[in-house]
Every structure is written in C-alpha cells, then in structure tokens.
Amino acid sequence: MPAAPALVVVVSWPHLYAVNATQPALSTLLACSTMTWIRSSVRPAFLWLLLVCCALSWPSVVVAESGKKPGAAAPSGSTAVLYLRALLDTAAVGPAATYARLGLRAGSVVQAFYAQRSFAPAWTHPDSGWNAQATAALTLLGQARQYGLLPAAYRLPQLQALPDSLRLSSKSKDQALQLAGFELRLTDALVRYAAHLRYGQLDARTLTAATLEGAAGQEATALLEQALAAESFAPAFLRCQPRSRAYLRLQQAWGQTLAMPDSVPHGGNEADFRRVAVNLERLRWESTTADTAEYALVNIPAFRLQLIRGGRVVQTHRVVVGKPETPTPTLNSRLIVFVTAPDWRVPYSIAVNEMLPQLQEDPSYLYDNHYRLYDYRNRLVNPWNVRWHTITPEKFPYTIKQTAGRHNALGNIVFYFPNQHTVFLHDTPARSLFQKSQRALSHGCVRVEKPLALAAYLLQRENQQAALPIVKRSIAQQDKCRFDLARGLPIQIRYYTCEADNGRLRFYADVYCQDEPILAALLDQ
C-alpha cells in the first residue's frame, strides 16, 4: 500500500497553504520555500503569528488536497485539532498577546483544558457547528441572571452568532477557522462562568477581578470535563455552586421571582437584581466555609440572631449591632463560655473618648453609674483625688470597671467567642432598644434580646440542663459565675442586605454602606 500523504503547512504571505506532501509539484515549492525560510531569522515566530492572525481576521485560506478542489469538503477532526493547537501556540508572541488576540480572558485555563484532551474540540462539529453539549451550555449562559450574573459578561451574543457566521461563509476552510475560534471562546466563557458561580467574580479583599490561577482554574477545567461526560450537562455543571443554606435559599427564591408571571420582563427589577447579585457574590466568597449541622447566625442588616439546626431555625432573637462609626465585624468563631452577673471592663476607646470628658466635668459620674477606677496595679482609686484637667487621652493611666447588676452595660449574661475584634454577645439593661426598627446602636458588640433563652439552649446542648437554676440564682444574687461549653457552638456574623425567608426575598437597609463598592466593582467587570 502507498504511504499516507503527509499534511504540510506552508506559509506564503498572505495565504496559508496545507498541501499534500506527495504531490509532484510539491518538491520545487518546498525547496524554494525552505531556502527562503532558512534565510529568515524570524521563520518560527512568523509562522505561528500568522496562524493566530488567520483565526482573528479570517483571511483567505486555501487548502489543497490530492484530487480535491479547495472548499470541496468539510475539515476532518484532525484538521480541527491542528487549528486549535496552532491558535493556542504561544511561542511567537507570548501567552498574554496570544490570548488577548484570541479574545480569551482565561487563556491559561483554556490552554490547560485543551492540552488535557490533546486539543480535540469539545463543543463543535465540522458539519453542524455547535453540538448538543454546547447548546446546553449556551442555554445556561443565557440564564446567568438567575445566579446574579450577566450573560453579556460571557459574550453570549457573540457566541450565539455562530450559526449565522457559518451560513455566510462559503468555504469549508473559513468555517473550520470560525469553529476553532468559537470553540475557544465558549470554553473561555464556561471556565469563567464556573469559577464565578463557585468563588465569585471579585477578590473579597481588594474588590478587583478574581483570577483563575491555581486551584480555581483546575476545578473549572475538571468541572467541564465532568459535565461533558455526564448524561445531562446543565445539572452536572451547576454542581459547582456553593451548598450553604443561605446561598441556596437566596438563589432559589430569586429564580422563582424571575419565573413569576408578573415579574418585570427581561430578568426582573434591575434594583432587585443588583441587590441579589451583591449578596450572592458575598455568599460565594464564603463558599470555602461549609455550614455545620448546628450554628448561630447573626445577620447585621436584619438585626437578628438565629439558631439553626439541621437547616431549620429553632430560635430567633432581635439584636442590637454596632453603629456605622463602630461597626460589628463579620467573622466565624465558636461560642465557648458564658458568664452570669459579669462586671464590665470599659474599653480604652470608650473610657477616653466618652467618659473622660464627663469625669473632667464631674468625678461623681463614676459612682453615679456604678463604675470604679483602678490604677495600673489594679488598686482602687478615689476619682475625686485625680486632677482630671491634666489627664489626656494620650496619657490615661487608669482602668474603669462597672459592677455587676441590672445597671451593668453587659446586662446579666455575656457570651464569649474567640476573635481579634474583642466583640461578644451580651444582655443589656436598655431593653427598649429592641422595639426600634433600626438597631445599629452599639459600640460593636451584639446585644441579645433573650439572653436567658440562649443560655438555656447552650446548656441543653452540653447536657447541663441541671445548671440552669444556678444561672438564675447567680443573676438574682449578682454573684459572678462562669459556664464553660465543652462542645461549643459555631457562630457566624454576616452582612446580608438581601436574603430569602420562606421562599420570598427580604431586603434590608445597607446600614454600613457596604453594597455600593461591591456593586460598582461587579458592574466594572
């Protein structure tokens, strides 16, 4: 049997020729071309640069095969592999320029995806354009608003133009290059879509575009391969989303809102979409922190504490949170101890900024409000013996403590959890504050509406129900007592201005004005 003809790519500006190496006239052409290219020091760079330029501008491409006229047949699968490999080759101009010319925003991840599959196409067929998986993928991209994302961010209109582009192209060679370009752009859109669904579009610390380097990119390519191999593409792809209770409830409630007959056309009310998008982004930043079976959740804008067990709310408290100038921080920790009949060591900032001016006016302020003054050796100091007019915030050598009792700023119980902000949950003597609708009123700690009910719940989890009478007696007698929690209870303090409640969306005031910077960064993507 005769040897199979070899496919040779020869460049002769401005055309790219793929010719059969066994053609009689080829030897002369190859000889001349070879001598020309040997004399050129830029031959390799020029060859690959031209391949990239061909894909971008769709120049005239001539393919001559033995016994066939140019354009007589659709490219074979091996030809598609050749195009993809050539387009992704970065040797000539480097990765950044190569990916930019191809319109790829996640070029290195796309490169890795095709390298793993030996540059075989995943979404296109030489005879029909998009395959079934690509059609399902385009439908998913079109549903991006259901997930707080924008279809235009993934160039959906351009991707949907492939059928029209193929109809307008009369040559199979032009179609092959078009298919390769669309193939790469769809992969680029999908790896970014997967990463955005999983981890968000922004870096939570800087609010700049999140990169797909490292684990995020690897997860995205692995997800695409799994979805391609699955019986149904869309469900397999959407498994990348966070699994937290708050995320799933919000995303599902928003999807149901969009599906309502009276929903605003074209994706719902724009203001609502933006609020939902910001909060889904926040929830994706937390995707690495899995929900535990049981935890306490404080939502700052909702002024609410919930105890959640097995996905169900088992106890709810109104709370008072920090003022905008002294905001309550978001954090993850664990409730490990609570103290009854506590005294209160006044934070330095409150002592010098709020109490010092009062003391300079009237030293009796301390005793009138059940405070005591101590020096650096923890010795009691008589406030009337201090020359307060000489004391400044920079030189304040005292500690102020408030005695236990109903007057104490911490109330009857304080709940501690490790954190770098020195905040905690506690009771309060100012019970009327819980009747206010806007409760951003504290110095940063979280005041709890029903502290005794929370203490009873924590003791029950520890099988220490018998200690509840001791708690009540300690409070009644103003006798300080400490209760350690061997198991502890995870606590999350969060900032959600939108969440789902019984399948309906609930919107809250942005008390710390944190939504606007996130929204601006999202719209800038």
Protein backbone atom coordinates (compact mmCIF):
# COMPACT_ATOMS: atom_id res chain seq x y z
CA MET A 1 0.00 0.00 0.00
CA PRO A 2 1.26 3.51 -0.71
CA ALA A 3 2.26 5.61 2.29
CA ALA A 4 -0.35 8.00 3.62
CA PRO A 5 0.14 11.54 2.32
CA ALA A 6 1.65 13.94 4.81
CA LEU A 7 -0.04 17.25 5.60
CA VAL A 8 2.45 20.10 5.40
CA VAL A 9 1.69 23.71 6.35
CA VAL A 10 3.48 26.21 4.12
CA VAL A 11 3.28 29.96 4.61
CA SER A 12 3.35 32.27 1.59
CA TRP A 13 2.02 35.69 2.58
CA PRO A 14 -0.83 36.40 2.69
CA HIS A 15 -2.11 32.81 2.34
CA LEU A 16 -1.83 29.68 4.47
CA TYR A 17 -1.50 26.52 2.38
CA ALA A 18 -2.00 22.98 3.67
CA VAL A 19 -0.74 20.71 0.87
CA ASN A 20 -0.24 17.02 0.27
CA ALA A 21 3.48 16.28 0.51
CA THR A 22 3.27 13.60 -2.19
CA GLN A 23 2.14 15.95 -4.97
CA PRO A 24 4.64 16.05 -7.86
CA ALA A 25 4.87 19.81 -7.91
CA LEU A 26 5.49 20.00 -4.21
CA SER A 27 9.24 19.35 -4.25
CA THR A 28 10.00 22.57 -6.12
CA LEU A 29 7.69 24.59 -3.93
CA LEU A 30 9.14 23.11 -0.77
CA ALA A 31 12.70 23.63 -1.91
CA CYS A 32 12.12 27.29 -2.72
CA SER A 33 10.15 27.89 0.43
CA THR A 34 12.69 26.08 2.59
CA MET A 35 15.61 28.16 1.30
CA THR A 36 13.60 31.34 1.83
CA TRP A 37 12.70 30.44 5.40
CA ILE A 38 16.22 29.29 6.31
CA ARG A 39 17.49 32.73 5.32
CA SER A 40 14.90 34.31 7.63
CA SER A 41 15.71 34.56 11.35
CA VAL A 42 12.06 35.07 12.22
CA ARG A 43 10.58 32.00 10.50
CA PRO A 44 9.13 30.24 13.59
CA ALA A 45 7.67 33.41 15.07
CA PHE A 46 6.21 34.46 11.72
CA LEU A 47 4.56 31.08 11.14
CA TRP A 48 2.72 30.95 14.45
CA LEU A 49 1.89 34.67 14.43
CA LEU A 50 0.26 34.21 11.05
CA LEU A 51 -1.81 31.28 12.30
CA VAL A 52 -3.13 33.43 15.13
CA CYS A 53 -3.86 36.33 12.78
CA CYS A 54 -5.75 33.99 10.47
CA ALA A 55 -8.07 32.97 13.27
CA LEU A 56 -8.78 36.56 14.25
CA SER A 57 -9.35 38.23 10.91
CA TRP A 58 -10.45 35.19 8.85
CA PRO A 59 -8.11 35.90 5.90
CA SER A 60 -8.18 33.93 2.70
CA VAL A 61 -7.22 30.30 3.40
CA VAL A 62 -6.52 27.82 0.65
CA VAL A 63 -6.42 24.09 1.31
CA ALA A 64 -5.35 21.80 -1.50
CA GLU A 65 -5.66 18.04 -1.08
CA SER A 66 -4.82 15.33 -3.58
CA GLY A 67 -7.63 15.11 -6.13
CA LYS A 68 -9.87 17.71 -4.34
CA LYS A 69 -10.67 21.32 -5.12
CA PRO A 70 -10.36 23.93 -2.35
CA GLY A 71 -13.55 24.04 -0.28
CA ALA A 72 -14.90 20.78 -1.64
CA ALA A 73 -15.12 19.02 1.74
CA ALA A 74 -15.51 19.88 5.40
CA PRO A 75 -12.38 19.70 7.51
CA SER A 76 -11.70 16.43 9.25
CA GLY A 77 -11.38 16.03 13.03
CA SER A 78 -7.60 16.06 12.71
CA THR A 79 -7.81 19.40 10.94
CA ALA A 80 -9.81 20.83 13.86
CA VAL A 81 -7.11 19.61 16.24
CA LEU A 82 -4.48 21.28 14.07
CA TYR A 83 -6.29 24.60 14.14
CA LEU A 84 -6.82 24.53 17.90
CA ARG A 85 -3.22 23.58 18.57
CA ALA A 86 -1.95 26.34 16.27
CA LEU A 87 -4.23 29.03 17.66
CA LEU A 88 -3.18 28.27 21.23
CA ASP A 89 0.54 28.14 20.48
CA THR A 90 2.22 30.95 22.43
CA ALA A 91 5.77 30.56 21.13
CA ALA A 92 5.67 33.52 18.76
CA VAL A 93 4.32 36.42 20.79
CA GLY A 94 3.95 35.00 24.30
CA PRO A 95 0.89 33.91 26.28
CA ALA A 96 -0.57 37.35 27.08
CA ALA A 97 -0.57 38.61 23.49
CA THR A 98 -1.78 35.27 22.14
CA TYR A 99 -4.75 35.09 24.48
CA ALA A 100 -5.60 38.76 24.00
CA ARG A 101 -5.73 38.37 20.22
CA LEU A 102 -7.98 35.35 20.62
CA GLY A 103 -10.26 37.28 22.95
CA LEU A 104 -9.64 34.89 25.86
CA ARG A 105 -9.81 36.24 29.43
CA ALA A 106 -8.84 32.90 30.98
CA GLY A 107 -6.32 31.89 28.33
CA SER A 108 -4.05 29.75 30.51
CA VAL A 109 -7.03 27.75 31.81
CA VAL A 110 -8.34 27.26 28.26
CA GLN A 111 -4.85 26.14 27.23
CA ALA A 112 -4.77 23.57 30.04
CA PHE A 113 -8.25 22.31 29.16
CA TYR A 114 -7.30 21.54 25.55
CA ALA A 115 -3.87 20.19 26.43
CA GLN A 116 -5.56 17.61 28.65
CA ARG A 117 -7.77 16.48 25.77
CA SER A 118 -5.00 16.57 23.12
CA PHE A 119 -6.64 19.65 21.55
CA ALA A 120 -9.74 17.73 20.49
CA PRO A 121 -12.77 20.04 20.13
CA ALA A 122 -15.39 19.78 22.87
CA TRP A 123 -18.26 21.93 21.60
CA THR A 124 -18.20 21.97 17.80
CA HIS A 125 -18.77 19.58 14.92
CA PRO A 126 -17.41 20.33 11.43
CA ASP A 127 -20.77 19.62 9.79
CA SER A 128 -23.26 21.20 12.18
CA GLY A 129 -21.46 23.81 14.31
CA TRP A 130 -22.44 23.60 17.98
CA ASN A 131 -23.02 20.12 19.38
CA ALA A 132 -25.65 19.15 21.98
CA GLN A 133 -23.44 20.00 24.96
CA ALA A 134 -22.67 23.41 23.50
CA THR A 135 -26.36 24.11 23.02
CA ALA A 136 -26.99 23.23 26.67
CA ALA A 137 -24.04 25.38 27.71
CA LEU A 138 -25.34 28.38 25.76
CA THR A 139 -28.73 27.95 27.41
CA LEU A 140 -27.01 28.05 30.82
CA LEU A 141 -25.13 31.21 29.91
CA GLY A 142 -28.44 32.74 28.88
CA GLN A 143 -29.77 32.02 32.39
CA ALA A 144 -26.91 33.85 34.10
CA ARG A 145 -29.23 36.43 35.69
CA GLN A 146 -30.84 33.65 37.74
CA TYR A 147 -27.47 33.35 39.50
CA GLY A 148 -26.80 37.07 39.87
CA LEU A 149 -24.52 37.18 36.82
CA LEU A 150 -24.79 38.93 33.45
CA PRO A 151 -24.91 36.96 30.16
CA ALA A 152 -23.04 39.76 28.39
CA ALA A 153 -20.05 39.19 30.70
CA TYR A 154 -19.56 35.87 28.90
CA ARG A 155 -20.08 37.32 25.40
CA LEU A 156 -23.23 35.32 24.85
CA PRO A 157 -24.50 37.41 21.88
CA GLN A 158 -21.25 36.80 20.00
CA LEU A 159 -21.34 33.07 20.76
CA GLN A 160 -24.92 32.82 19.57
CA ALA A 161 -23.84 34.29 16.22
CA LEU A 162 -22.00 31.12 15.14
CA PRO A 163 -24.83 29.63 13.00
CA ASP A 164 -25.21 32.88 11.06
CA SER A 165 -21.45 33.10 10.60
CA LEU A 166 -21.30 29.60 9.17
CA ARG A 167 -24.17 30.30 6.77
CA LEU A 168 -22.39 33.40 5.50
CA SER A 169 -19.16 31.52 4.92
CA SER A 170 -18.94 29.72 1.58
CA LYS A 171 -15.67 27.88 2.16
CA SER A 172 -15.20 24.96 4.49
CA LYS A 173 -11.74 26.29 5.38
CA ASP A 174 -13.21 29.56 6.63
CA GLN A 175 -15.79 27.59 8.58
CA ALA A 176 -13.06 25.49 10.20
CA LEU A 177 -11.26 28.57 11.46
CA GLN A 178 -14.53 30.10 12.64
CA LEU A 179 -15.41 26.91 14.51
CA ALA A 180 -12.00 26.86 16.20
CA GLY A 181 -12.36 30.48 17.31
CA PHE A 182 -15.88 29.96 18.63
CA GLU A 183 -14.79 26.73 20.32
CA LEU A 184 -12.08 28.54 22.30
CA ARG A 185 -14.34 31.44 23.23
CA LEU A 186 -17.09 29.16 24.54
CA THR A 187 -14.58 27.28 26.69
CA ASP A 188 -13.26 30.62 27.97
CA ALA A 189 -16.79 31.72 28.85
CA LEU A 190 -17.62 28.45 30.62
CA VAL A 191 -14.48 28.22 32.79
CA ARG A 192 -15.08 31.79 33.92
CA TYR A 193 -18.78 31.09 34.48
CA ALA A 194 -17.93 28.03 36.61
CA ALA A 195 -15.37 29.94 38.68
CA HIS A 196 -17.77 32.86 39.18
CA LEU A 197 -20.56 30.54 40.28
CA ARG A 198 -18.26 28.87 42.78
CA TYR A 199 -15.99 31.59 44.16
CA GLY A 200 -17.41 34.87 42.85
CA GLN A 201 -16.23 37.41 40.31
CA LEU A 202 -14.20 39.54 42.74
CA ASP A 203 -11.39 39.14 45.22
CA ALA A 204 -13.16 39.82 48.53
CA ARG A 205 -10.19 41.75 49.94
CA THR A 206 -9.46 44.07 47.03
CA LEU A 207 -12.73 44.04 45.02
CA THR A 208 -10.68 43.50 41.88
CA ALA A 209 -11.37 40.76 39.36
CA ALA A 210 -10.64 37.33 40.79
CA THR A 211 -8.00 35.35 38.93
CA LEU A 212 -8.41 31.78 37.72
CA GLU A 213 -4.89 30.76 38.55
CA GLY A 214 -4.18 27.67 40.61
CA ALA A 215 -6.94 25.63 42.20
CA ALA A 216 -9.83 27.68 40.80
CA GLY A 217 -8.70 27.09 37.22
CA GLN A 218 -8.07 23.40 37.82
CA GLU A 219 -11.52 22.99 39.35
CA ALA A 220 -13.11 24.76 36.40
CA THR A 221 -11.47 22.52 33.79
CA ALA A 222 -12.27 19.39 35.81
CA LEU A 223 -15.89 20.51 36.09
CA LEU A 224 -16.16 21.00 32.31
CA GLU A 225 -14.84 17.51 31.65
CA GLN A 226 -17.26 16.01 34.18
CA ALA A 227 -20.20 17.93 32.72
CA LEU A 228 -19.26 16.86 29.19
CA ALA A 229 -19.22 13.23 30.29
CA ALA A 230 -22.49 13.48 32.23
CA GLU A 231 -25.82 12.32 30.89
CA SER A 232 -27.24 15.82 31.36
CA PHE A 233 -24.83 18.74 31.01
CA ALA A 234 -26.61 21.52 32.94
CA PRO A 235 -27.19 19.76 36.30
CA ALA A 236 -23.62 18.47 36.32
CA PHE A 237 -22.25 21.93 35.56
CA LEU A 238 -24.34 23.67 38.24
CA ARG A 239 -22.93 21.41 40.96
CA CYS A 240 -20.10 23.91 41.22
CA GLN A 241 -22.31 26.33 43.17
CA PRO A 242 -21.90 26.81 46.94
CA ARG A 243 -24.02 24.47 49.05
CA SER A 244 -24.63 26.75 52.02
CA ARG A 245 -28.18 27.14 53.28
CA ALA A 246 -28.18 30.92 52.79
CA TYR A 247 -26.87 30.72 49.20
CA LEU A 248 -29.27 28.02 48.04
CA ARG A 249 -32.31 29.72 49.60
CA LEU A 250 -31.46 33.12 48.09
CA GLN A 251 -30.66 31.78 44.62
CA GLN A 252 -33.81 29.65 44.51
CA ALA A 253 -36.03 32.48 45.76
CA TRP A 254 -34.58 34.81 43.12
CA GLY A 255 -35.12 32.20 40.40
CA GLN A 256 -38.74 31.81 41.50
CA THR A 257 -39.17 35.58 41.43
CA LEU A 258 -37.94 35.72 37.84
CA ALA A 259 -40.33 32.91 36.89
CA MET A 260 -43.41 34.72 38.25
CA PRO A 261 -45.86 35.85 35.53
CA ASP A 262 -45.88 39.44 36.81
CA SER A 263 -42.09 39.64 37.01
CA VAL A 264 -40.59 42.60 35.18
CA PRO A 265 -39.61 41.48 31.65
CA HIS A 266 -36.01 40.74 30.71
CA GLY A 267 -34.77 39.43 34.04
CA GLY A 268 -36.69 41.12 36.83
CA ASN A 269 -36.48 44.51 38.51
CA GLU A 270 -32.98 45.90 37.97
CA ALA A 271 -32.63 47.27 41.51
CA ASP A 272 -33.62 43.90 42.96
CA PHE A 273 -31.22 42.11 40.61
CA ARG A 274 -28.35 44.27 41.79
CA ARG A 275 -29.09 43.64 45.47
CA VAL A 276 -29.36 39.91 44.83
CA ALA A 277 -26.16 39.89 42.77
CA VAL A 278 -24.19 41.64 45.53
CA ASN A 279 -25.35 39.20 48.18
CA LEU A 280 -24.84 36.08 46.06
CA GLU A 281 -21.30 37.38 45.50
CA ARG A 282 -20.80 37.67 49.27
CA LEU A 283 -22.10 34.14 49.76
CA ARG A 284 -19.67 32.81 47.14
CA TRP A 285 -16.77 34.38 48.99
CA GLU A 286 -17.80 32.18 51.92
CA SER A 287 -18.04 29.01 49.81
CA THR A 288 -14.94 27.51 51.43
CA THR A 289 -16.66 27.71 54.84
CA ALA A 290 -19.20 24.91 54.91
CA ASP A 291 -22.30 25.09 57.05
CA THR A 292 -22.20 22.94 60.15
CA ALA A 293 -25.18 20.91 61.35
CA GLU A 294 -25.87 23.47 64.07
CA TYR A 295 -24.77 27.08 64.39
CA ALA A 296 -25.70 30.60 65.45
CA LEU A 297 -26.11 33.17 62.68
CA VAL A 298 -26.14 36.93 63.20
CA ASN A 299 -27.21 38.96 60.17
CA ILE A 300 -26.20 42.55 60.87
CA PRO A 301 -28.57 44.42 58.48
CA ALA A 302 -31.50 42.24 59.63
CA PHE A 303 -30.70 42.98 63.33
CA ARG A 304 -31.33 39.31 64.04
CA LEU A 305 -29.72 36.25 65.62
CA GLN A 306 -30.91 32.78 64.58
CA LEU A 307 -30.03 29.38 65.99
CA ILE A 308 -30.06 26.91 63.10
CA ARG A 309 -30.09 23.14 63.46
CA GLY A 310 -30.38 20.72 60.55
CA GLY A 311 -31.23 23.57 58.19
CA ARG A 312 -34.15 24.77 60.37
CA VAL A 313 -34.40 27.87 62.56
CA VAL A 314 -35.01 26.73 66.14
CA GLN A 315 -34.62 30.06 67.95
CA THR A 316 -34.73 33.71 66.88
CA HIS A 317 -33.60 36.86 68.73
CA ARG A 318 -33.69 40.52 67.88
CA VAL A 319 -30.27 42.07 68.30
CA VAL A 320 -28.64 45.48 68.55
CA VAL A 321 -25.47 45.80 66.46
CA GLY A 322 -22.70 48.35 66.09
CA LYS A 323 -23.26 51.89 64.89
CA PRO A 324 -21.88 52.80 61.44
CA GLU A 325 -18.94 54.53 63.13
CA THR A 326 -18.29 51.46 65.35
CA PRO A 327 -19.48 48.61 63.13
CA THR A 328 -19.89 45.00 64.18
CA PRO A 329 -17.33 42.92 62.24
CA THR A 330 -18.17 39.84 60.17
CA LEU A 331 -16.44 36.69 61.42
CA ASN A 332 -16.52 32.96 62.10
CA SER A 333 -15.89 31.68 65.61
CA ARG A 334 -17.26 29.42 68.31
CA LEU A 335 -19.21 30.20 71.48
CA ILE A 336 -17.15 28.56 74.21
CA VAL A 337 -18.17 30.19 77.51
CA PHE A 338 -20.73 32.48 79.08
CA VAL A 339 -20.61 34.43 82.32
CA THR A 340 -23.51 35.46 84.52
CA ALA A 341 -23.59 38.61 86.67
CA PRO A 342 -20.49 39.95 84.87
CA ASP A 343 -18.62 43.12 85.65
CA TRP A 344 -17.58 45.23 82.69
CA ARG A 345 -14.10 46.43 81.96
CA VAL A 346 -14.67 49.57 79.91
CA PRO A 347 -12.72 49.53 76.62
CA TYR A 348 -9.96 52.14 76.42
CA SER A 349 -11.60 53.91 73.46
CA ILE A 350 -14.86 54.39 75.37
CA ALA A 351 -13.03 55.46 78.54
CA VAL A 352 -11.01 58.24 76.89
CA ASN A 353 -13.47 59.37 74.21
CA GLU A 354 -16.74 59.25 76.13
CA MET A 355 -16.05 59.05 79.89
CA LEU A 356 -13.01 61.32 80.26
CA PRO A 357 -14.95 64.49 79.28
CA GLN A 358 -17.64 63.51 81.80
CA LEU A 359 -15.05 63.00 84.55
CA GLN A 360 -13.42 66.34 83.80
CA GLU A 361 -16.81 67.92 84.41
CA ASP A 362 -17.85 65.83 87.43
CA PRO A 363 -15.87 62.95 89.01
CA SER A 364 -19.05 61.70 90.67
CA TYR A 365 -20.11 60.44 87.22
CA LEU A 366 -18.31 57.17 88.03
CA TYR A 367 -20.10 56.30 91.25
CA ASP A 368 -23.44 57.59 89.98
CA ASN A 369 -23.24 54.94 87.22
CA HIS A 370 -21.72 52.11 89.29
CA TYR A 371 -18.18 52.48 87.88
CA ARG A 372 -14.93 52.04 89.79
CA LEU A 373 -11.50 53.47 88.95
CA TYR A 374 -8.27 51.39 89.18
CA ASP A 375 -4.60 52.22 88.64
CA TYR A 376 -2.07 50.17 86.72
CA ARG A 377 -1.58 47.88 89.76
CA ASN A 378 -5.33 47.23 89.90
CA ARG A 379 -5.67 49.28 93.10
CA LEU A 380 -8.91 51.19 93.68
CA VAL A 381 -8.52 54.96 93.09
CA ASN A 382 -10.70 57.73 94.51
CA PRO A 383 -11.84 59.74 91.43
CA TRP A 384 -12.09 62.97 93.50
CA ASN A 385 -8.34 62.78 94.18
CA VAL A 386 -7.44 62.82 90.47
CA ARG A 387 -6.55 66.11 88.75
CA TRP A 388 -8.72 65.32 85.74
CA HIS A 389 -7.88 68.51 83.86
CA THR A 390 -4.31 67.21 83.46
CA ILE A 391 -5.41 63.81 82.07
CA THR A 392 -5.45 63.45 78.29
CA PRO A 393 -6.48 60.55 76.02
CA GLU A 394 -2.80 60.01 75.22
CA LYS A 395 -1.93 59.72 78.93
CA PHE A 396 -4.78 57.87 80.60
CA PRO A 397 -3.24 55.51 83.20
CA TYR A 398 -6.48 54.10 84.61
CA THR A 399 -8.86 51.19 84.15
CA ILE A 400 -12.60 51.66 84.61
CA LYS A 401 -14.87 48.78 85.62
CA GLN A 402 -18.62 48.64 86.11
CA THR A 403 -20.02 46.48 88.91
CA ALA A 404 -22.45 43.62 88.27
CA GLY A 405 -26.19 44.19 88.32
CA ARG A 406 -29.13 45.32 86.22
CA HIS A 407 -27.35 48.61 85.59
CA ASN A 408 -24.33 46.89 84.01
CA ALA A 409 -23.86 47.62 80.31
CA LEU A 410 -23.41 43.86 79.67
CA GLY A 411 -26.66 43.08 81.44
CA ASN A 412 -26.93 39.78 83.29
CA ILE A 413 -25.11 37.47 80.84
CA VAL A 414 -22.22 37.79 78.39
CA PHE A 415 -21.32 35.15 75.77
CA TYR A 416 -17.70 34.91 74.64
CA PHE A 417 -16.14 33.57 71.44
CA PRO A 418 -12.51 33.99 70.32
CA ASN A 419 -11.95 36.83 67.85
CA GLN A 420 -9.43 39.57 67.16
CA HIS A 421 -12.01 42.35 67.43
CA THR A 422 -12.87 41.81 71.12
CA VAL A 423 -16.59 41.66 70.41
CA PHE A 424 -19.10 39.35 72.06
CA LEU A 425 -22.81 38.74 72.60
CA HIS A 426 -24.40 40.11 75.74
CA ASP A 427 -27.54 41.15 77.56
CA THR A 428 -28.37 44.85 78.03
CA PRO A 429 -30.29 46.95 80.55
CA ALA A 430 -31.62 49.09 77.67
CA ARG A 431 -34.44 46.70 76.79
CA SER A 432 -36.46 49.33 74.94
CA LEU A 433 -33.92 49.37 72.10
CA PHE A 434 -35.24 46.03 70.83
CA GLN A 435 -38.52 47.73 69.92
CA LYS A 436 -36.77 50.05 67.46
CA SER A 437 -36.79 49.09 63.78
CA GLN A 438 -33.27 50.44 63.22
CA ARG A 439 -30.94 48.89 65.80
CA ALA A 440 -27.40 49.82 64.73
CA LEU A 441 -26.73 51.46 68.11
CA SER A 442 -23.89 49.69 69.95
CA HIS A 443 -20.12 50.12 70.08
CA GLY A 444 -19.64 46.93 68.04
CA CYS A 445 -20.77 44.12 70.32
CA VAL A 446 -24.07 42.34 69.72
CA ARG A 447 -26.82 42.82 72.31
CA VAL A 448 -29.22 39.87 72.51
CA GLU A 449 -32.94 40.14 73.16
CA LYS A 450 -33.41 36.86 75.10
CA PRO A 451 -30.07 36.00 76.72
CA LEU A 452 -31.51 33.56 79.26
CA ALA A 453 -33.15 31.51 76.47
CA LEU A 454 -29.83 31.42 74.62
CA ALA A 455 -28.01 30.29 77.78
CA ALA A 456 -30.59 27.54 78.35
CA TYR A 457 -30.17 26.31 74.76
CA LEU A 458 -26.37 26.17 75.13
CA LEU A 459 -26.61 24.25 78.42
CA GLN A 460 -29.04 21.76 76.91
CA ARG A 461 -26.60 21.03 74.06
CA GLU A 462 -23.94 20.32 76.70
CA ASN A 463 -26.30 18.05 78.70
CA GLN A 464 -26.04 20.58 81.55
CA GLN A 465 -29.73 21.40 81.98
CA ALA A 466 -29.27 20.98 85.72
CA ALA A 467 -27.10 24.12 85.73
CA LEU A 468 -29.96 26.39 84.67
CA PRO A 469 -31.12 27.05 88.29
CA ILE A 470 -27.53 28.04 89.10
CA VAL A 471 -27.65 30.54 86.26
CA LYS A 472 -30.82 32.12 87.59
CA ARG A 473 -29.52 32.20 91.16
CA SER A 474 -26.26 33.82 90.06
CA ILE A 475 -28.20 36.55 88.30
CA ALA A 476 -30.56 37.11 91.22
CA GLN A 477 -27.73 37.33 93.75
CA GLN A 478 -25.39 39.25 91.43
CA ASP A 479 -22.80 36.57 92.06
CA LYS A 480 -20.50 36.18 89.10
CA CYS A 481 -20.36 32.63 87.68
CA ARG A 482 -18.64 31.11 84.64
CA PHE A 483 -20.05 28.30 82.47
CA ASP A 484 -17.65 26.60 80.06
CA LEU A 485 -19.04 24.86 76.97
CA ALA A 486 -17.14 21.69 76.10
CA ARG A 487 -18.81 21.31 72.70
CA GLY A 488 -19.25 24.96 71.95
CA LEU A 489 -21.49 26.32 69.20
CA PRO A 490 -20.19 27.70 65.87
CA ILE A 491 -21.18 31.31 65.31
CA GLN A 492 -21.25 33.25 62.05
CA ILE A 493 -21.64 37.04 61.97
CA ARG A 494 -22.60 38.10 58.45
CA TYR A 495 -23.65 41.14 56.43
CA TYR A 496 -26.53 40.25 54.08
CA THR A 497 -28.74 43.06 52.78
CA CYS A 498 -30.87 40.53 50.92
CA GLU A 499 -31.89 37.01 51.93
CA ALA A 500 -34.70 34.51 51.45
CA ASP A 501 -37.39 33.90 54.05
CA ASN A 502 -39.92 31.14 53.34
CA GLY A 503 -39.18 31.37 49.63
CA ARG A 504 -39.60 35.15 49.44
CA LEU A 505 -36.93 37.80 49.09
CA ARG A 506 -36.30 40.12 52.03
CA PHE A 507 -34.33 43.35 51.58
CA TYR A 508 -32.66 45.26 54.43
CA ALA A 509 -31.10 48.69 54.72
CA ASP A 510 -27.41 48.84 53.88
CA VAL A 511 -26.57 50.23 57.34
CA TYR A 512 -22.79 50.24 56.79
CA CYS A 513 -22.94 51.30 53.09
CA GLN A 514 -21.05 48.19 52.00
CA ASP A 515 -23.16 47.28 48.94
CA GLU A 516 -22.19 50.16 46.68
CA PRO A 517 -18.43 49.40 46.37
CA ILE A 518 -19.18 45.75 45.59
CA LEU A 519 -21.83 46.65 43.03
CA ALA A 520 -19.55 49.17 41.33
CA ALA A 521 -16.79 46.56 41.09
CA LEU A 522 -19.20 43.95 39.69
CA LEU A 523 -20.52 46.32 37.03
CA ASP A 524 -16.94 47.16 36.05
CA GLN A 525 -16.19 43.54 35.14
